[in-house]
């Protein structure tokens, strides 16, 4: 398995001086905008160096993202 790096180090390598803030990076990690998905260990997010940023419009093949966009969320399926 490839050695993982922190989200901030990955962003510096991927985007250079224009790297997003840590708040933006953690949102991307939580929402699945980085593939393969980062892992959170303690308070720190880790990702493989070959990971790529994929905006939501490019993640259409992932079932979880597709279900969220289609409105098939658990809250919508709970009878009232």
PDB file of N, CA and C in Angstrom:
ATOM      1  N   UNK A   1       0.840  -1.185   0.000  1.00  0.00           N
ATOM      2  CA  UNK A   1       0.000   0.000   0.000  1.00  0.00           C
ATOM      3  C   UNK A   1       0.885   1.248   0.000  1.00  0.00           C
ATOM      4  N   UNK A   2       0.457   2.241  -0.714  1.00  0.00           N
ATOM      5  CA  UNK A   2       1.218   3.489  -0.806  1.00  0.00           C
ATOM      6  C   UNK A   2       1.218   4.214   0.537  1.00  0.00           C
ATOM      7  N   UNK A   3       2.299   4.872   0.815  1.00  0.00           N
ATOM      8  CA  UNK A   3       2.407   5.649   2.050  1.00  0.00           C
ATOM      9  C   UNK A   3       1.512   6.876   1.943  1.00  0.00           C
ATOM     10  N   UNK A   4       0.814   7.184   3.011  1.00  0.00           N
ATOM     11  CA  UNK A   4      -0.120   8.306   2.993  1.00  0.00           C
ATOM     12  C   UNK A   4       0.540   9.575   3.519  1.00  0.00           C
ATOM     13  N   UNK A   5      -0.037  10.702   3.126  1.00  0.00           N
ATOM     14  CA  UNK A   5       0.448  12.006   3.551  1.00  0.00           C
ATOM     15  C   UNK A   5      -0.733  12.801   4.104  1.00  0.00           C
ATOM     16  N   UNK A   6      -0.455  13.861   4.818  1.00  0.00           N
ATOM     17  CA  UNK A   6      -1.551  14.676   5.354  1.00  0.00           C
ATOM     18  C   UNK A   6      -2.234  15.426   4.219  1.00  0.00           C
ATOM     19  N   UNK A   7      -3.450  15.831   4.474  1.00  0.00           N
ATOM     20  CA  UNK A   7      -4.230  16.562   3.479  1.00  0.00           C
ATOM     21  C   UNK A   7      -3.526  17.859   3.076  1.00  0.00           C
ATOM     22  N   UNK A   8      -2.941  18.549   4.041  1.00  0.00           N
ATOM     23  CA  UNK A   8      -2.248  19.811   3.741  1.00  0.00           C
ATOM     24  C   UNK A   8      -1.028  19.591   2.849  1.00  0.00           C
ATOM     25  N   UNK A   9      -0.249  18.549   3.132  1.00  0.00           N
ATOM     26  CA  UNK A   9       0.914  18.264   2.291  1.00  0.00           C
ATOM     27  C   UNK A   9       0.484  17.872   0.882  1.00  0.00           C
ATOM     28  N   UNK A  10      -0.581  17.084   0.774  1.00  0.00           N
ATOM     29  CA  UNK A  10      -1.107  16.702  -0.537  1.00  0.00           C
ATOM     30  C   UNK A  10      -1.544  17.941  -1.318  1.00  0.00           C
ATOM     31  N   UNK A  11      -2.228  18.864  -0.642  1.00  0.00           N
ATOM     32  CA  UNK A  11      -2.717  20.071  -1.312  1.00  0.00           C
ATOM     33  C   UNK A  11      -1.561  20.934  -1.809  1.00  0.00           C
ATOM     34  N   UNK A  12      -0.499  21.040  -1.010  1.00  0.00           N
ATOM     35  CA  UNK A  12       0.668  21.814  -1.449  1.00  0.00           C
ATOM     36  C   UNK A  12       1.296  21.198  -2.698  1.00  0.00           C
ATOM     37  N   UNK A  13       1.374  19.873  -2.727  1.00  0.00           N
ATOM     38  CA  UNK A  13       1.953  19.196  -3.891  1.00  0.00           C
ATOM     39  C   UNK A  13       1.028  19.291  -5.103  1.00  0.00           C
ATOM     40  N   UNK A  14      -0.270  19.226  -4.872  1.00  0.00           N
ATOM     41  CA  UNK A  14      -1.260  19.226  -5.958  1.00  0.00           C
ATOM     42  C   UNK A  14      -1.510  20.625  -6.526  1.00  0.00           C
ATOM     43  N   UNK A  15      -1.614  21.631  -5.652  1.00  0.00           N
ATOM     44  CA  UNK A  15      -2.015  22.973  -6.075  1.00  0.00           C
ATOM     45  C   UNK A  15      -0.917  24.028  -5.947  1.00  0.00           C
ATOM     46  N   UNK A  16       0.202  23.686  -5.316  1.00  0.00           N
ATOM     47  CA  UNK A  16       1.293  24.651  -5.146  1.00  0.00           C
ATOM     48  C   UNK A  16       0.923  25.748  -4.160  1.00  0.00           C
ATOM     49  N   UNK A  17       1.300  26.975  -4.480  1.00  0.00           N
ATOM     50  CA  UNK A  17       1.048  28.110  -3.584  1.00  0.00           C
ATOM     51  C   UNK A  17      -0.430  28.466  -3.486  1.00  0.00           C
ATOM     52  N   UNK A  18      -1.227  28.009  -4.426  1.00  0.00           N
ATOM     53  CA  UNK A  18      -2.661  28.316  -4.424  1.00  0.00           C
ATOM     54  C   UNK A  18      -3.484  27.231  -3.741  1.00  0.00           C
ATOM     55  N   UNK A  19      -2.885  26.471  -2.838  1.00  0.00           N
ATOM     56  CA  UNK A  19      -3.589  25.388  -2.154  1.00  0.00           C
ATOM     57  C   UNK A  19      -4.750  25.939  -1.331  1.00  0.00           C
ATOM     58  N   UNK A  20      -5.876  25.221  -1.306  1.00  0.00           N
ATOM     59  CA  UNK A  20      -7.018  25.656  -0.499  1.00  0.00           C
ATOM     60  C   UNK A  20      -6.694  25.624   0.994  1.00  0.00           C
ATOM     61  N   UNK A  21      -7.522  26.293   1.777  1.00  0.00           N
ATOM     62  CA  UNK A  21      -7.338  26.309   3.232  1.00  0.00           C
ATOM     63  C   UNK A  21      -7.667  24.940   3.810  1.00  0.00           C
ATOM     64  N   UNK A  22      -7.238  24.708   5.040  1.00  0.00           N
ATOM     65  CA  UNK A  22      -7.501  23.428   5.696  1.00  0.00           C
ATOM     66  C   UNK A  22      -9.000  23.201   5.867  1.00  0.00           C
ATOM     67  N   UNK A  23      -9.768  24.265   6.091  1.00  0.00           N
ATOM     68  CA  UNK A  23     -11.222  24.110   6.213  1.00  0.00           C
ATOM     69  C   UNK A  23     -11.830  23.593   4.916  1.00  0.00           C
ATOM     70  N   UNK A  24     -11.390  24.125   3.798  1.00  0.00           N
ATOM     71  CA  UNK A  24     -11.878  23.661   2.499  1.00  0.00           C
ATOM     72  C   UNK A  24     -11.457  22.221   2.257  1.00  0.00           C
ATOM     73  N   UNK A  25     -10.225  21.891   2.576  1.00  0.00           N
ATOM     74  CA  UNK A  25      -9.729  20.532   2.371  1.00  0.00           C
ATOM     75  C   UNK A  25     -10.500  19.514   3.201  1.00  0.00           C
ATOM     76  N   UNK A  26     -10.792  19.842   4.460  1.00  0.00           N
ATOM     77  CA  UNK A  26     -11.545  18.895   5.286  1.00  0.00           C
ATOM     78  C   UNK A  26     -12.976  18.743   4.787  1.00  0.00           C
ATOM     79  N   UNK A  27     -13.564  19.802   4.254  1.00  0.00           N
ATOM     80  CA  UNK A  27     -14.910  19.691   3.675  1.00  0.00           C
ATOM     81  C   UNK A  27     -14.873  18.776   2.458  1.00  0.00           C
ATOM     82  N   UNK A  28     -13.870  18.955   1.614  1.00  0.00           N
ATOM     83  CA  UNK A  28     -13.725  18.080   0.449  1.00  0.00           C
ATOM     84  C   UNK A  28     -13.581  16.626   0.887  1.00  0.00           C
ATOM     85  N   UNK A  29     -12.804  16.391   1.944  1.00  0.00           N
ATOM     86  CA  UNK A  29     -12.599  15.024   2.432  1.00  0.00           C
ATOM     87  C   UNK A  29     -13.903  14.434   2.963  1.00  0.00           C
ATOM     88  N   UNK A  30     -14.640  15.201   3.760  1.00  0.00           N
ATOM     89  CA  UNK A  30     -15.912  14.721   4.323  1.00  0.00           C
ATOM     90  C   UNK A  30     -16.946  14.435   3.244  1.00  0.00           C
ATOM     91  N   UNK A  31     -16.985  15.285   2.223  1.00  0.00           N
ATOM     92  CA  UNK A  31     -18.014  15.177   1.195  1.00  0.00           C
ATOM     93  C   UNK A  31     -17.603  14.290   0.024  1.00  0.00           C
ATOM     94  N   UNK A  32     -16.424  13.697   0.080  1.00  0.00           N
ATOM     95  CA  UNK A  32     -16.004  12.754  -0.944  1.00  0.00           C
ATOM     96  C   UNK A  32     -15.542  13.384  -2.243  1.00  0.00           C
ATOM     97  N   UNK A  33     -15.008  14.590  -2.192  1.00  0.00           N
ATOM     98  CA  UNK A  33     -14.560  15.281  -3.401  1.00  0.00           C
ATOM     99  C   UNK A  33     -13.120  14.949  -3.757  1.00  0.00           C
ATOM    100  N   UNK A  34     -12.485  14.105  -2.955  1.00  0.00           N
ATOM    101  CA  UNK A  34     -11.120  13.661  -3.229  1.00  0.00           C
ATOM    102  C   UNK A  34     -11.175  12.150  -3.411  1.00  0.00           C
ATOM    103  N   UNK A  35     -10.601  11.659  -4.517  1.00  0.00           N
ATOM    104  CA  UNK A  35     -10.605  10.216  -4.759  1.00  0.00           C
ATOM    105  C   UNK A  35      -9.177   9.722  -4.934  1.00  0.00           C
ATOM    106  N   UNK A  36      -8.840   8.566  -4.379  1.00  0.00           N
ATOM    107  CA  UNK A  36      -9.642   7.786  -3.451  1.00  0.00           C
ATOM    108  C   UNK A  36      -9.860   8.541  -2.141  1.00  0.00           C
ATOM    109  N   UNK A  37     -10.889   8.152  -1.432  1.00  0.00           N
ATOM    110  CA  UNK A  37     -11.304   8.879  -0.235  1.00  0.00           C
ATOM    111  C   UNK A  37     -10.202   8.931   0.822  1.00  0.00           C
ATOM    112  N   UNK A  38      -9.984  10.103   1.407  1.00  0.00           N
ATOM    113  CA  UNK A  38      -9.032  10.227   2.515  1.00  0.00           C
ATOM    114  C   UNK A  38      -9.550   9.498   3.760  1.00  0.00           C
ATOM    115  N   UNK A  39      -8.648   9.175   4.664  1.00  0.00           N
ATOM    116  CA  UNK A  39      -9.035   8.554   5.927  1.00  0.00           C
ATOM    117  C   UNK A  39      -8.674   9.497   7.063  1.00  0.00           C
ATOM    118  N   UNK A  40      -9.522   9.492   8.087  1.00  0.00           N
ATOM    119  CA  UNK A  40      -9.272  10.348   9.245  1.00  0.00           C
ATOM    120  C   UNK A  40      -8.744   9.481  10.376  1.00  0.00           C
ATOM    121  N   UNK A  41      -7.581   9.840  10.867  1.00  0.00           N
ATOM    122  CA  UNK A  41      -6.976   9.138  11.991  1.00  0.00           C
ATOM    123  C   UNK A  41      -6.773  10.168  13.083  1.00  0.00           C
ATOM    124  N   UNK A  42      -7.535  10.026  14.158  1.00  0.00           N
ATOM    125  CA  UNK A  42      -7.527  11.045  15.200  1.00  0.00           C
ATOM    126  C   UNK A  42      -8.154  12.314  14.667  1.00  0.00           C
ATOM    127  N   UNK A  43      -7.404  13.398  14.689  1.00  0.00           N
ATOM    128  CA  UNK A  43      -7.897  14.678  14.167  1.00  0.00           C
ATOM    129  C   UNK A  43      -7.342  15.000  12.781  1.00  0.00           C
ATOM    130  N   UNK A  44      -6.521  14.121  12.250  1.00  0.00           N
ATOM    131  CA  UNK A  44      -5.803  14.408  11.012  1.00  0.00           C
ATOM    132  C   UNK A  44      -6.321  13.563   9.859  1.00  0.00           C
ATOM    133  N   UNK A  45      -6.506  14.207   8.705  1.00  0.00           N
ATOM    134  CA  UNK A  45      -6.906  13.515   7.481  1.00  0.00           C
ATOM    135  C   UNK A  45      -5.658  13.102   6.716  1.00  0.00           C
ATOM    136  N   UNK A  46      -5.660  11.858   6.203  1.00  0.00           N
ATOM    137  CA  UNK A  46      -4.559  11.341   5.402  1.00  0.00           C
ATOM    138  C   UNK A  46      -5.081  10.896   4.046  1.00  0.00           C
ATOM    139  N   UNK A  47      -4.225  11.048   3.037  1.00  0.00           N
ATOM    140  CA  UNK A  47      -4.595  10.708   1.667  1.00  0.00           C
ATOM    141  C   UNK A  47      -3.349  10.189   0.957  1.00  0.00           C
ATOM    142  N   UNK A  48      -3.541   9.337  -0.057  1.00  0.00           N
ATOM    143  CA  UNK A  48      -2.379   8.884  -0.817  1.00  0.00           C
ATOM    144  C   UNK A  48      -1.925  10.016  -1.744  1.00  0.00           C
ATOM    145  N   UNK A  49      -0.641  10.109  -2.025  1.00  0.00           N
ATOM    146  CA  UNK A  49      -0.138  11.211  -2.856  1.00  0.00           C
ATOM    147  C   UNK A  49      -0.741  11.262  -4.263  1.00  0.00           C
ATOM    148  N   UNK A  50      -1.220  10.136  -4.789  1.00  0.00           N
ATOM    149  CA  UNK A  50      -1.779  10.108  -6.138  1.00  0.00           C
ATOM    150  C   UNK A  50      -3.254  10.502  -6.184  1.00  0.00           C
ATOM    151  N   UNK A  51      -3.835  10.862  -5.058  1.00  0.00           N
ATOM    152  CA  UNK A  51      -5.258  11.225  -5.012  1.00  0.00           C
ATOM    153  C   UNK A  51      -5.518  12.443  -5.885  1.00  0.00           C
ATOM    154  N   UNK A  52      -6.779  12.573  -6.313  1.00  0.00           N
ATOM    155  CA  UNK A  52      -7.158  13.690  -7.175  1.00  0.00           C
ATOM    156  C   UNK A  52      -8.410  14.359  -6.648  1.00  0.00           C
ATOM    157  N   UNK A  53      -8.485  15.658  -6.877  1.00  0.00           N
ATOM    158  CA  UNK A  53      -9.689  16.422  -6.538  1.00  0.00           C
ATOM    159  C   UNK A  53     -10.710  16.192  -7.636  1.00  0.00           C
ATOM    160  N   UNK A  54     -11.921  15.806  -7.249  1.00  0.00           N
ATOM    161  CA  UNK A  54     -13.009  15.586  -8.199  1.00  0.00           C
ATOM    162  C   UNK A  54     -14.222  16.365  -7.733  1.00  0.00           C
ATOM    163  N   UNK A  55     -14.583  17.433  -8.428  1.00  0.00           N
ATOM    164  CA  UNK A  55     -15.790  18.172  -8.050  1.00  0.00           C
ATOM    165  C   UNK A  55     -17.011  17.258  -8.111  1.00  0.00           C
ATOM    166  N   UNK A  56     -18.093  17.609  -7.433  1.00  0.00           N
ATOM    167  CA  UNK A  56     -19.273  16.743  -7.382  1.00  0.00           C
ATOM    168  C   UNK A  56     -19.791  16.341  -8.756  1.00  0.00           C
ATOM    169  N   UNK A  57     -19.701  17.187  -9.743  1.00  0.00           N
ATOM    170  CA  UNK A  57     -20.212  16.850 -11.069  1.00  0.00           C
ATOM    171  C   UNK A  57     -19.422  15.715 -11.712  1.00  0.00           C
ATOM    172  N   UNK A  58     -18.191  15.471 -11.266  1.00  0.00           N
ATOM    173  CA  UNK A  58     -17.372  14.394 -11.818  1.00  0.00           C
ATOM    174  C   UNK A  58     -17.448  13.125 -10.981  1.00  0.00           C
ATOM    175  N   UNK A  59     -18.133  13.153  -9.842  1.00  0.00           N
ATOM    176  CA  UNK A  59     -18.258  11.988  -8.968  1.00  0.00           C
ATOM    177  C   UNK A  59     -19.547  11.226  -9.235  1.00  0.00           C
ATOM    178  N   UNK A  60     -20.159  11.418 -10.374  1.00  0.00           N
ATOM    179  CA  UNK A  60     -21.472  10.853 -10.643  1.00  0.00           C
ATOM    180  C   UNK A  60     -21.503   9.329 -10.624  1.00  0.00           C
ATOM    181  N   UNK A  61     -20.364   8.666 -10.699  1.00  0.00           N
ATOM    182  CA  UNK A  61     -20.367   7.211 -10.714  1.00  0.00           C
ATOM    183  C   UNK A  61     -20.413   6.610  -9.310  1.00  0.00           C
ATOM    184  N   UNK A  62     -20.189   7.402  -8.287  1.00  0.00           N
ATOM    185  CA  UNK A  62     -20.200   6.879  -6.931  1.00  0.00           C
ATOM    186  C   UNK A  62     -21.631   6.768  -6.428  1.00  0.00           C
ATOM    187  N   UNK A  63     -22.053   5.587  -5.991  1.00  0.00           N
ATOM    188  CA  UNK A  63     -23.445   5.380  -5.572  1.00  0.00           C
ATOM    189  C   UNK A  63     -23.900   6.295  -4.441  1.00  0.00           C
ATOM    190  N   UNK A  64     -23.047   6.539  -3.451  1.00  0.00           N
ATOM    191  CA  UNK A  64     -23.461   7.377  -2.322  1.00  0.00           C
ATOM    192  C   UNK A  64     -23.726   8.804  -2.777  1.00  0.00           C
ATOM    193  N   UNK A  65     -22.840   9.338  -3.585  1.00  0.00           N
ATOM    194  CA  UNK A  65     -23.029  10.703  -4.081  1.00  0.00           C
ATOM    195  C   UNK A  65     -24.261  10.784  -4.976  1.00  0.00           C
ATOM    196  N   UNK A  66     -24.478   9.749  -5.764  1.00  0.00           N
ATOM    197  CA  UNK A  66     -25.633   9.723  -6.653  1.00  0.00           C
ATOM    198  C   UNK A  66     -26.929   9.699  -5.833  1.00  0.00           C
ATOM    199  N   UNK A  67     -26.964   8.925  -4.757  1.00  0.00           N
ATOM    200  CA  UNK A  67     -28.161   8.838  -3.916  1.00  0.00           C
ATOM    201  C   UNK A  67     -28.454  10.168  -3.236  1.00  0.00           C
ATOM    202  N   UNK A  68     -27.422  10.852  -2.793  1.00  0.00           N
ATOM    203  CA  UNK A  68     -27.621  12.147  -2.134  1.00  0.00           C
ATOM    204  C   UNK A  68     -28.183  13.160  -3.116  1.00  0.00           C
ATOM    205  N   UNK A  69     -27.609  13.210  -4.308  1.00  0.00           N
ATOM    206  CA  UNK A  69     -28.087  14.175  -5.301  1.00  0.00           C
ATOM    207  C   UNK A  69     -29.497  13.859  -5.779  1.00  0.00           C
ATOM    208  N   UNK A  70     -29.897  12.594  -5.765  1.00  0.00           N
ATOM    209  CA  UNK A  70     -31.230  12.237  -6.245  1.00  0.00           C
ATOM    210  C   UNK A  70     -32.298  12.474  -5.182  1.00  0.00           C
ATOM    211  N   UNK A  71     -31.904  12.886  -3.991  1.00  0.00           N
ATOM    212  CA  UNK A  71     -32.865  13.136  -2.925  1.00  0.00           C
ATOM    213  C   UNK A  71     -33.233  11.877  -2.161  1.00  0.00           C
ATOM    214  N   UNK A  72     -32.529  10.777  -2.406  1.00  0.00           N
ATOM    215  CA  UNK A  72     -32.820   9.513  -1.743  1.00  0.00           C
ATOM    216  C   UNK A  72     -32.065   9.437  -0.413  1.00  0.00           C
ATOM    217  N   UNK A  73     -32.281  10.446   0.421  1.00  0.00           N
ATOM    218  CA  UNK A  73     -31.618  10.497   1.715  1.00  0.00           C
ATOM    219  C   UNK A  73     -32.504   9.831   2.758  1.00  0.00           C
ATOM    220  N   UNK A  74     -31.901   9.330   3.808  1.00  0.00           N
ATOM    221  CA  UNK A  74     -32.627   8.647   4.864  1.00  0.00           C
ATOM    222  C   UNK A  74     -33.713   9.532   5.447  1.00  0.00           C
ATOM    223  N   UNK A  75     -33.425  10.790   5.658  1.00  0.00           N
ATOM    224  CA  UNK A  75     -34.403  11.705   6.244  1.00  0.00           C
ATOM    225  C   UNK A  75     -35.651  11.812   5.372  1.00  0.00           C
ATOM    226  N   UNK A  76     -35.481  11.682   4.064  1.00  0.00           N
ATOM    227  CA  UNK A  76     -36.623  11.749   3.152  1.00  0.00           C
ATOM    228  C   UNK A  76     -37.431  10.459   3.140  1.00  0.00           C
ATOM    229  N   UNK A  77     -36.819   9.343   3.562  1.00  0.00           N
ATOM    230  CA  UNK A  77     -37.504   8.048   3.535  1.00  0.00           C
ATOM    231  C   UNK A  77     -38.198   7.708   4.845  1.00  0.00           C
ATOM    232  N   UNK A  78     -37.976   8.473   5.896  1.00  0.00           N
ATOM    233  CA  UNK A  78     -38.600   8.197   7.192  1.00  0.00           C
ATOM    234  C   UNK A  78     -40.046   8.670   7.148  1.00  0.00           C
ATOM    235  N   UNK A  79     -41.006   7.754   7.421  1.00  0.00           N
ATOM    236  CA  UNK A  79     -42.419   8.175   7.410  1.00  0.00           C
ATOM    237  C   UNK A  79     -42.703   9.160   8.541  1.00  0.00           C
ATOM    238  N   UNK A  80     -43.585  10.096   8.258  1.00  0.00           N
ATOM    239  CA  UNK A  80     -43.895  11.107   9.273  1.00  0.00           C
ATOM    240  C   UNK A  80     -45.176  10.822   9.990  1.00  0.00           C
TER     241      UNK A  80
END
